[in-house]
């Protein structure tokens, strides 16, 4: 090897091996153990959530006195379409705080299948405003169930029974 040749020949071979992995070439990946699991954990291939829509121009901070005795402040950030392996629906995003020092995200997922059961029994569809009201009541119920102030983000999933109970409470 001369002084003008690079001493990092392994790097160029390594780069071709990675390229071979990307194009599924068995010749270039012979002897290489490749497991994509760590990349999934790192979030390299995860899908970014859709942007929120329907957010008010100015956040209106509201308060809720939970049954636990804690007073939570919250504001609405918007909603987005939600989808996972179980189905689809609408995800409502809020920011909540029990101390005004730390604002945490709170997501309330209203699945379409939970709403469809109520809609078929009542023979009418829920409006977007009514879905928001159900999401807000689900958030309040989550506040009521907390035994200590919130310290981390929460996600609330609205079930079919919840939709029925909240709709009755709202007089729908």
N, C-alpha and C. Protein backbone atom coordinates (compact mmCIF):
# COMPACT_ATOMS: atom_id res chain seq x y z
N UNK A 1 0.85 -1.16 0.00
CA UNK A 1 0.00 0.00 0.00
C UNK A 1 0.90 1.23 0.00
N UNK A 2 0.58 2.17 -0.86
CA UNK A 2 1.39 3.38 -0.95
C UNK A 2 0.77 4.47 -0.10
N UNK A 3 1.51 5.54 0.05
CA UNK A 3 1.05 6.65 0.89
C UNK A 3 -0.14 7.37 0.28
N UNK A 4 -0.32 7.29 -1.03
CA UNK A 4 -1.43 8.00 -1.67
C UNK A 4 -2.75 7.21 -1.59
N UNK A 5 -2.68 5.91 -1.29
CA UNK A 5 -3.91 5.11 -1.20
C UNK A 5 -4.56 5.34 0.17
N UNK A 6 -5.85 5.38 0.18
CA UNK A 6 -6.52 5.56 1.47
C UNK A 6 -6.37 4.30 2.32
N UNK A 7 -6.33 4.50 3.60
CA UNK A 7 -6.17 3.37 4.51
C UNK A 7 -7.51 2.87 5.03
N UNK A 8 -8.58 3.42 4.54
CA UNK A 8 -9.90 3.02 5.01
C UNK A 8 -10.64 2.20 3.96
N UNK A 9 -10.02 1.17 3.48
CA UNK A 9 -10.66 0.33 2.46
C UNK A 9 -11.87 -0.39 3.02
N UNK A 10 -11.85 -0.74 4.29
CA UNK A 10 -13.00 -1.44 4.88
C UNK A 10 -14.25 -0.58 4.85
N UNK A 11 -14.07 0.72 4.98
CA UNK A 11 -15.24 1.60 4.94
C UNK A 11 -15.95 1.52 3.60
N UNK A 12 -15.19 1.51 2.51
CA UNK A 12 -15.84 1.47 1.21
C UNK A 12 -16.52 0.11 0.99
N UNK A 13 -15.93 -0.96 1.46
CA UNK A 13 -16.57 -2.27 1.34
C UNK A 13 -17.82 -2.29 2.22
N UNK A 14 -17.72 -1.72 3.39
CA UNK A 14 -18.86 -1.66 4.30
C UNK A 14 -20.02 -0.88 3.67
N UNK A 15 -19.69 0.21 2.96
CA UNK A 15 -20.73 1.00 2.32
C UNK A 15 -21.42 0.19 1.23
N UNK A 16 -20.67 -0.62 0.48
CA UNK A 16 -21.29 -1.44 -0.54
C UNK A 16 -22.15 -2.53 0.10
N UNK A 17 -21.73 -3.02 1.24
CA UNK A 17 -22.54 -4.02 1.94
C UNK A 17 -23.87 -3.42 2.36
N UNK A 18 -23.85 -2.20 2.91
CA UNK A 18 -25.09 -1.55 3.28
C UNK A 18 -25.96 -1.28 2.07
N UNK A 19 -25.33 -0.89 0.96
CA UNK A 19 -26.09 -0.68 -0.26
C UNK A 19 -26.72 -1.99 -0.71
N UNK A 20 -25.97 -3.08 -0.58
CA UNK A 20 -26.50 -4.39 -0.94
C UNK A 20 -27.68 -4.78 -0.07
N UNK A 21 -27.65 -4.39 1.18
CA UNK A 21 -28.77 -4.67 2.07
C UNK A 21 -30.01 -3.91 1.60
N UNK A 22 -29.82 -2.68 1.19
CA UNK A 22 -30.95 -1.87 0.75
C UNK A 22 -31.58 -2.39 -0.53
N UNK A 23 -30.78 -2.98 -1.41
CA UNK A 23 -31.33 -3.49 -2.67
C UNK A 23 -31.54 -4.99 -2.63
N UNK A 24 -31.45 -5.59 -1.45
CA UNK A 24 -31.70 -7.02 -1.25
C UNK A 24 -30.82 -7.90 -2.13
N UNK A 25 -29.56 -7.58 -2.21
CA UNK A 25 -28.63 -8.38 -2.99
C UNK A 25 -28.03 -9.46 -2.10
N UNK A 26 -28.30 -10.75 -2.37
CA UNK A 26 -27.77 -11.80 -1.49
C UNK A 26 -26.26 -11.94 -1.57
N UNK A 27 -25.66 -11.56 -2.70
CA UNK A 27 -24.21 -11.70 -2.83
C UNK A 27 -23.48 -10.72 -1.92
N UNK A 28 -23.98 -9.51 -1.82
CA UNK A 28 -23.28 -8.51 -1.02
C UNK A 28 -23.61 -8.61 0.46
N UNK A 29 -24.66 -9.36 0.81
CA UNK A 29 -25.03 -9.48 2.22
C UNK A 29 -24.65 -10.83 2.80
N UNK A 30 -23.86 -11.62 2.07
CA UNK A 30 -23.47 -12.93 2.57
C UNK A 30 -22.63 -12.76 3.84
N UNK A 31 -23.01 -13.45 4.87
CA UNK A 31 -22.27 -13.40 6.12
C UNK A 31 -22.63 -12.22 7.01
N UNK A 32 -23.51 -11.34 6.56
CA UNK A 32 -23.90 -10.18 7.35
C UNK A 32 -25.23 -10.48 8.02
N UNK A 33 -25.24 -10.32 9.33
CA UNK A 33 -26.49 -10.50 10.07
C UNK A 33 -27.14 -9.14 10.23
N UNK A 34 -28.30 -9.00 9.67
CA UNK A 34 -28.99 -7.71 9.68
C UNK A 34 -30.37 -7.90 10.26
N UNK A 35 -30.65 -7.21 11.33
CA UNK A 35 -31.99 -7.27 11.92
C UNK A 35 -32.53 -5.84 11.97
N UNK A 36 -33.66 -5.57 11.34
CA UNK A 36 -34.19 -4.21 11.33
C UNK A 36 -34.84 -3.78 12.64
N UNK A 37 -34.99 -4.68 13.59
CA UNK A 37 -35.68 -4.35 14.83
C UNK A 37 -35.09 -3.12 15.54
N UNK A 38 -33.78 -3.01 15.71
CA UNK A 38 -33.27 -1.81 16.39
C UNK A 38 -33.61 -0.52 15.66
N UNK A 39 -33.67 -0.55 14.32
CA UNK A 39 -34.01 0.66 13.58
C UNK A 39 -35.45 1.06 13.85
N UNK A 40 -36.34 0.08 14.00
CA UNK A 40 -37.72 0.41 14.31
C UNK A 40 -37.81 1.04 15.69
N UNK A 41 -37.03 0.52 16.62
CA UNK A 41 -37.05 1.09 17.97
C UNK A 41 -36.52 2.51 17.99
N UNK A 42 -35.56 2.79 17.12
CA UNK A 42 -34.99 4.13 17.07
C UNK A 42 -35.93 5.11 16.38
N UNK A 43 -36.95 4.62 15.71
CA UNK A 43 -37.89 5.50 15.05
C UNK A 43 -37.44 5.97 13.69
N UNK A 44 -36.47 5.26 13.09
CA UNK A 44 -35.98 5.70 11.79
C UNK A 44 -37.02 5.53 10.69
N UNK A 45 -37.87 4.53 10.82
CA UNK A 45 -38.85 4.27 9.79
C UNK A 45 -40.27 4.57 10.25
N UNK A 46 -40.43 5.16 11.40
CA UNK A 46 -41.77 5.42 11.91
C UNK A 46 -42.40 6.58 11.13
N UNK A 47 -43.69 6.51 11.02
CA UNK A 47 -44.45 7.52 10.31
C UNK A 47 -44.71 8.69 11.24
N UNK A 48 -44.53 9.89 10.75
CA UNK A 48 -44.82 11.06 11.56
C UNK A 48 -46.32 11.27 11.61
N UNK A 49 -46.83 11.71 12.75
CA UNK A 49 -48.27 11.92 12.82
C UNK A 49 -48.70 13.05 11.89
N UNK A 50 -49.93 12.95 11.45
CA UNK A 50 -50.49 13.99 10.58
C UNK A 50 -50.59 15.29 11.37
N UNK A 51 -50.54 16.42 10.68
CA UNK A 51 -50.67 17.69 11.40
C UNK A 51 -52.07 17.84 11.98
N UNK A 52 -52.15 18.59 13.05
CA UNK A 52 -53.43 18.84 13.70
C UNK A 52 -54.23 19.87 12.91
N UNK A 53 -55.55 19.68 12.89
CA UNK A 53 -56.43 20.64 12.26
C UNK A 53 -57.48 21.07 13.27
N UNK A 54 -58.15 22.15 12.97
CA UNK A 54 -59.24 22.60 13.82
C UNK A 54 -58.80 23.30 15.09
N UNK A 55 -57.54 23.67 15.17
CA UNK A 55 -57.06 24.35 16.38
C UNK A 55 -57.57 25.80 16.40
N UNK A 56 -57.97 26.28 17.55
CA UNK A 56 -58.41 27.68 17.62
C UNK A 56 -57.24 28.62 17.40
N UNK A 57 -57.53 29.82 16.95
CA UNK A 57 -56.46 30.80 16.70
C UNK A 57 -55.75 31.18 17.99
N UNK A 58 -56.50 31.25 19.07
CA UNK A 58 -55.93 31.57 20.38
C UNK A 58 -56.34 30.45 21.34
N UNK A 59 -55.35 29.90 22.04
CA UNK A 59 -55.65 28.84 23.01
C UNK A 59 -56.40 29.43 24.20
N UNK A 60 -57.51 28.83 24.52
CA UNK A 60 -58.29 29.23 25.69
C UNK A 60 -58.03 28.23 26.79
N UNK A 61 -57.32 28.64 27.81
CA UNK A 61 -57.01 27.75 28.92
C UNK A 61 -58.24 27.67 29.81
N UNK A 62 -58.68 26.43 30.04
CA UNK A 62 -59.85 26.17 30.88
C UNK A 62 -59.40 25.33 32.06
N UNK A 63 -60.24 25.25 33.07
CA UNK A 63 -59.88 24.45 34.24
C UNK A 63 -60.98 23.44 34.52
N UNK A 64 -60.58 22.35 35.19
CA UNK A 64 -61.51 21.30 35.58
C UNK A 64 -61.12 20.80 36.95
N UNK A 65 -62.05 20.85 37.89
CA UNK A 65 -61.81 20.34 39.24
C UNK A 65 -62.20 18.87 39.26
N UNK A 66 -61.22 18.00 39.33
CA UNK A 66 -61.47 16.56 39.30
C UNK A 66 -62.00 16.07 40.64
N UNK A 67 -62.61 14.90 40.61
CA UNK A 67 -63.15 14.29 41.84
C UNK A 67 -62.04 13.98 42.84
N UNK A 68 -60.82 13.85 42.34
CA UNK A 68 -59.69 13.55 43.22
C UNK A 68 -59.26 14.77 44.04
N UNK A 69 -59.80 15.93 43.69
CA UNK A 69 -59.43 17.15 44.41
C UNK A 69 -58.43 18.00 43.66
N UNK A 70 -57.81 17.46 42.65
CA UNK A 70 -56.84 18.22 41.86
C UNK A 70 -57.57 19.06 40.83
N UNK A 71 -57.03 20.24 40.58
CA UNK A 71 -57.58 21.11 39.55
C UNK A 71 -56.63 21.08 38.37
N UNK A 72 -57.16 20.68 37.23
CA UNK A 72 -56.36 20.59 36.01
C UNK A 72 -56.71 21.75 35.10
N UNK A 73 -55.71 22.27 34.45
CA UNK A 73 -55.92 23.25 33.40
C UNK A 73 -55.62 22.55 32.08
N UNK A 74 -56.36 22.92 31.05
CA UNK A 74 -56.18 22.26 29.76
C UNK A 74 -56.56 23.23 28.65
N UNK A 75 -56.04 22.95 27.46
CA UNK A 75 -56.51 23.65 26.27
C UNK A 75 -56.46 22.70 25.09
N UNK A 76 -57.30 22.98 24.13
CA UNK A 76 -57.46 22.15 22.95
C UNK A 76 -56.45 22.55 21.89
N UNK A 77 -55.75 21.55 21.34
CA UNK A 77 -54.75 21.84 20.30
C UNK A 77 -55.21 21.51 18.90
N UNK A 78 -56.18 20.63 18.75
CA UNK A 78 -56.66 20.26 17.43
C UNK A 78 -56.94 18.78 17.36
N UNK A 79 -57.28 18.32 16.16
CA UNK A 79 -57.56 16.90 15.96
C UNK A 79 -56.94 16.43 14.65
N UNK A 80 -56.85 15.12 14.52
CA UNK A 80 -56.31 14.51 13.30
C UNK A 80 -56.97 13.16 13.12
N UNK A 81 -56.90 12.67 11.90
CA UNK A 81 -57.38 11.32 11.64
C UNK A 81 -56.44 10.35 12.32
N UNK A 82 -56.98 9.31 12.89
CA UNK A 82 -56.21 8.32 13.63
C UNK A 82 -56.42 6.95 13.00
N UNK A 83 -55.37 6.17 12.94
CA UNK A 83 -55.46 4.82 12.40
C UNK A 83 -54.42 3.95 13.08
N UNK A 84 -54.82 2.73 13.43
CA UNK A 84 -53.88 1.72 13.88
C UNK A 84 -54.39 0.37 13.40
N UNK A 85 -53.81 -0.71 13.90
CA UNK A 85 -54.17 -2.04 13.41
C UNK A 85 -55.60 -2.42 13.79
N UNK A 86 -56.17 -1.79 14.79
CA UNK A 86 -57.53 -2.12 15.22
C UNK A 86 -58.61 -1.34 14.48
N UNK A 87 -58.27 -0.23 13.89
CA UNK A 87 -59.28 0.55 13.19
C UNK A 87 -58.85 1.98 12.96
N UNK A 88 -59.85 2.83 12.76
CA UNK A 88 -59.56 4.25 12.52
C UNK A 88 -60.56 5.10 13.29
N UNK A 89 -60.31 6.39 13.30
CA UNK A 89 -61.17 7.30 14.03
C UNK A 89 -60.58 8.69 14.05
N UNK A 90 -60.85 9.43 15.12
CA UNK A 90 -60.36 10.79 15.27
C UNK A 90 -59.61 10.88 16.60
N UNK A 91 -58.45 11.52 16.56
CA UNK A 91 -57.65 11.74 17.77
C UNK A 91 -57.71 13.23 18.11
N UNK A 92 -58.18 13.54 19.30
CA UNK A 92 -58.25 14.91 19.78
C UNK A 92 -57.07 15.15 20.70
N UNK A 93 -56.31 16.22 20.44
CA UNK A 93 -55.12 16.54 21.22
C UNK A 93 -55.40 17.71 22.16
N UNK A 94 -55.03 17.51 23.40
CA UNK A 94 -55.12 18.55 24.43
C UNK A 94 -53.76 18.70 25.08
N UNK A 95 -53.54 19.81 25.73
CA UNK A 95 -52.39 20.02 26.63
C UNK A 95 -52.99 20.22 28.01
N UNK A 96 -52.45 19.49 28.98
CA UNK A 96 -52.99 19.54 30.33
C UNK A 96 -51.87 19.84 31.33
N UNK A 97 -52.27 20.44 32.44
CA UNK A 97 -51.32 20.74 33.50
C UNK A 97 -52.02 20.68 34.84
N UNK A 98 -51.31 20.15 35.81
CA UNK A 98 -51.84 20.14 37.18
C UNK A 98 -51.15 21.19 38.03
N UNK A 99 -50.10 21.80 37.48
CA UNK A 99 -49.33 22.73 38.30
C UNK A 99 -48.93 24.01 37.58
N UNK A 100 -49.29 24.15 36.34
CA UNK A 100 -48.90 25.27 35.48
C UNK A 100 -47.41 25.30 35.17
N UNK A 101 -46.65 24.41 35.76
CA UNK A 101 -45.22 24.36 35.48
C UNK A 101 -44.91 23.48 34.28
N UNK A 102 -45.64 22.39 34.17
CA UNK A 102 -45.38 21.43 33.10
C UNK A 102 -46.68 21.14 32.36
N UNK A 103 -46.66 21.38 31.06
CA UNK A 103 -47.81 21.09 30.21
C UNK A 103 -47.55 19.80 29.47
N UNK A 104 -48.45 18.85 29.63
CA UNK A 104 -48.28 17.51 29.05
C UNK A 104 -49.32 17.26 27.97
N UNK A 105 -48.95 16.48 26.94
CA UNK A 105 -49.94 16.14 25.92
C UNK A 105 -50.92 15.10 26.43
N UNK A 106 -52.15 15.24 26.03
CA UNK A 106 -53.20 14.27 26.34
C UNK A 106 -53.98 14.02 25.05
N UNK A 107 -54.00 12.79 24.62
CA UNK A 107 -54.70 12.42 23.39
C UNK A 107 -55.94 11.62 23.75
N UNK A 108 -57.06 11.97 23.14
CA UNK A 108 -58.30 11.23 23.32
C UNK A 108 -58.68 10.67 21.95
N UNK A 109 -58.72 9.35 21.86
CA UNK A 109 -59.03 8.68 20.59
C UNK A 109 -60.48 8.22 20.62
N UNK A 110 -61.25 8.72 19.66
CA UNK A 110 -62.64 8.29 19.48
C UNK A 110 -62.67 7.45 18.22
N UNK A 111 -62.71 6.14 18.41
CA UNK A 111 -62.67 5.21 17.28
C UNK A 111 -64.01 5.20 16.55
N UNK A 112 -63.94 5.04 15.24
CA UNK A 112 -65.16 4.99 14.43
C UNK A 112 -66.04 3.81 14.82
N UNK A 113 -65.44 2.66 15.11
CA UNK A 113 -66.25 1.48 15.44
C UNK A 113 -67.02 1.67 16.74
N UNK A 114 -66.47 2.44 17.69
CA UNK A 114 -67.18 2.72 18.94
C UNK A 114 -68.37 3.64 18.69
N UNK A 115 -68.20 4.58 17.78
CA UNK A 115 -69.27 5.52 17.46
C UNK A 115 -70.34 4.85 16.60
N UNK A 116 -69.93 3.96 15.70
CA UNK A 116 -70.88 3.32 14.78
C UNK A 116 -71.92 2.50 15.51
N UNK A 117 -71.55 1.88 16.62
CA UNK A 117 -72.53 1.11 17.39
C UNK A 117 -73.64 2.03 17.89
N UNK A 118 -73.26 3.17 18.44
CA UNK A 118 -74.26 4.11 18.92
C UNK A 118 -75.08 4.66 17.76
N UNK A 119 -74.42 4.98 16.64
CA UNK A 119 -75.12 5.55 15.49
C UNK A 119 -76.15 4.57 14.91
N UNK A 120 -75.84 3.28 14.89
CA UNK A 120 -76.80 2.32 14.35
C UNK A 120 -77.99 2.14 15.29
N UNK A 121 -77.75 2.17 16.59
CA UNK A 121 -78.88 2.02 17.53
C UNK A 121 -79.75 3.26 17.56
N UNK A 122 -79.17 4.44 17.35
CA UNK A 122 -79.92 5.69 17.39
C UNK A 122 -80.40 6.13 16.01
N UNK A 123 -79.95 5.47 14.96
CA UNK A 123 -80.33 5.78 13.56
C UNK A 123 -80.01 7.22 13.19
N UNK A 124 -78.87 7.71 13.65
CA UNK A 124 -78.39 9.03 13.24
C UNK A 124 -76.88 9.09 13.44
N UNK A 125 -76.24 10.03 12.77
CA UNK A 125 -74.79 10.14 12.89
C UNK A 125 -74.43 11.26 13.86
N UNK A 126 -73.28 11.09 14.49
CA UNK A 126 -72.78 12.12 15.39
C UNK A 126 -72.08 13.20 14.58
N UNK A 127 -72.29 14.44 14.93
CA UNK A 127 -71.59 15.54 14.27
C UNK A 127 -70.17 15.63 14.84
N UNK A 128 -69.34 16.42 14.19
CA UNK A 128 -67.96 16.62 14.66
C UNK A 128 -67.95 17.28 16.04
N UNK A 129 -68.89 18.18 16.28
CA UNK A 129 -68.98 18.85 17.58
C UNK A 129 -69.36 17.86 18.67
N UNK A 130 -70.26 16.94 18.35
CA UNK A 130 -70.67 15.94 19.33
C UNK A 130 -69.54 14.96 19.64
N UNK A 131 -68.74 14.62 18.63
CA UNK A 131 -67.56 13.77 18.88
C UNK A 131 -66.57 14.49 19.79
N UNK A 132 -66.38 15.79 19.56
CA UNK A 132 -65.50 16.58 20.41
C UNK A 132 -66.01 16.59 21.85
N UNK A 133 -67.32 16.74 22.03
CA UNK A 133 -67.90 16.75 23.37
C UNK A 133 -67.67 15.40 24.06
N UNK A 134 -67.80 14.30 23.33
CA UNK A 134 -67.54 12.98 23.89
C UNK A 134 -66.06 12.86 24.28
N UNK A 135 -65.17 13.37 23.45
CA UNK A 135 -63.73 13.33 23.76
C UNK A 135 -63.43 14.14 25.01
N UNK A 136 -64.07 15.27 25.15
CA UNK A 136 -63.84 16.13 26.32
C UNK A 136 -64.34 15.46 27.60
N UNK A 137 -65.50 14.81 27.53
CA UNK A 137 -65.98 14.09 28.71
C UNK A 137 -65.07 12.91 29.06
N UNK A 138 -64.51 12.27 28.05
CA UNK A 138 -63.55 11.18 28.30
C UNK A 138 -62.30 11.72 28.99
N UNK A 139 -61.86 12.90 28.58
CA UNK A 139 -60.70 13.53 29.23
C UNK A 139 -61.02 13.85 30.68
N UNK A 140 -62.20 14.38 30.96
CA UNK A 140 -62.60 14.69 32.33
C UNK A 140 -62.66 13.42 33.17
N UNK A 141 -63.16 12.34 32.60
CA UNK A 141 -63.22 11.08 33.33
C UNK A 141 -61.82 10.57 33.65
N UNK A 142 -60.89 10.76 32.73
CA UNK A 142 -59.50 10.37 32.99
C UNK A 142 -58.92 11.21 34.13
N UNK A 143 -59.25 12.50 34.17
CA UNK A 143 -58.81 13.35 35.28
C UNK A 143 -59.38 12.84 36.61
N UNK A 144 -60.66 12.45 36.59
CA UNK A 144 -61.32 11.98 37.80
C UNK A 144 -60.69 10.70 38.34
N UNK A 145 -60.16 9.87 37.46
CA UNK A 145 -59.60 8.57 37.86
C UNK A 145 -58.17 8.67 38.36
N UNK A 146 -57.52 9.79 38.18
CA UNK A 146 -56.13 9.95 38.61
C UNK A 146 -56.06 10.07 40.13
N UNK A 147 -55.16 9.29 40.73
CA UNK A 147 -54.99 9.38 42.19
C UNK A 147 -53.91 10.38 42.57
N UNK A 148 -53.10 10.78 41.60
CA UNK A 148 -52.06 11.77 41.82
C UNK A 148 -52.05 12.69 40.60
N UNK A 149 -51.49 13.88 40.73
CA UNK A 149 -51.43 14.77 39.57
C UNK A 149 -50.67 14.11 38.41
N UNK A 150 -51.06 14.47 37.21
CA UNK A 150 -50.41 13.90 36.03
C UNK A 150 -48.93 14.28 35.99
N UNK A 151 -48.09 13.31 35.70
CA UNK A 151 -46.66 13.55 35.57
C UNK A 151 -46.14 13.15 34.20
N UNK A 152 -47.01 12.49 33.39
CA UNK A 152 -46.60 12.08 32.04
C UNK A 152 -47.79 12.17 31.11
N UNK A 153 -47.51 12.10 29.82
CA UNK A 153 -48.55 12.19 28.80
C UNK A 153 -49.53 11.03 28.95
N UNK A 154 -50.78 11.28 28.60
CA UNK A 154 -51.78 10.22 28.67
C UNK A 154 -52.47 10.08 27.33
N UNK A 155 -52.99 8.88 27.10
CA UNK A 155 -53.83 8.61 25.93
C UNK A 155 -55.08 7.92 26.44
N UNK A 156 -56.23 8.45 26.07
CA UNK A 156 -57.51 7.91 26.49
C UNK A 156 -58.20 7.33 25.26
N UNK A 157 -58.66 6.11 25.36
CA UNK A 157 -59.41 5.47 24.27
C UNK A 157 -60.87 5.37 24.68
N UNK A 158 -61.74 5.88 23.84
CA UNK A 158 -63.16 5.88 24.13
C UNK A 158 -63.75 4.56 23.62
N UNK A 159 -64.41 3.82 24.50
CA UNK A 159 -65.01 2.54 24.13
C UNK A 159 -66.46 2.73 23.70
N UNK A 160 -67.07 1.66 23.24
CA UNK A 160 -68.48 1.70 22.83
C UNK A 160 -69.38 2.06 24.01
N UNK A 161 -69.08 1.48 25.17
CA UNK A 161 -69.87 1.78 26.37
C UNK A 161 -69.70 3.25 26.78
N UNK A 162 -68.49 3.78 26.61
CA UNK A 162 -68.25 5.18 26.93
C UNK A 162 -69.07 6.10 26.04
N UNK A 163 -69.11 5.79 24.74
CA UNK A 163 -69.88 6.61 23.81
C UNK A 163 -71.35 6.62 24.23
N UNK A 164 -71.87 5.46 24.58
CA UNK A 164 -73.28 5.35 25.02
C UNK A 164 -73.51 6.19 26.28
N UNK A 165 -72.63 6.06 27.26
CA UNK A 165 -72.80 6.80 28.53
C UNK A 165 -72.65 8.31 28.32
N UNK A 166 -71.65 8.71 27.56
CA UNK A 166 -71.42 10.14 27.34
C UNK A 166 -72.53 10.77 26.51
N UNK A 167 -73.02 10.02 25.52
CA UNK A 167 -74.13 10.53 24.70
C UNK A 167 -75.37 10.73 25.55
N UNK A 168 -75.61 9.81 26.46
CA UNK A 168 -76.77 9.95 27.35
C UNK A 168 -76.58 11.15 28.28
N UNK A 169 -75.36 11.32 28.78
CA UNK A 169 -75.06 12.44 29.66
C UNK A 169 -75.22 13.79 28.94
N UNK A 170 -74.91 13.79 27.64
CA UNK A 170 -75.03 15.01 26.84
C UNK A 170 -76.47 15.22 26.33
N UNK A 171 -77.31 14.24 26.52
CA UNK A 171 -78.68 14.36 26.06
C UNK A 171 -78.84 14.17 24.56
N UNK A 172 -77.99 13.38 23.97
CA UNK A 172 -78.07 13.14 22.52
C UNK A 172 -79.05 12.03 22.19
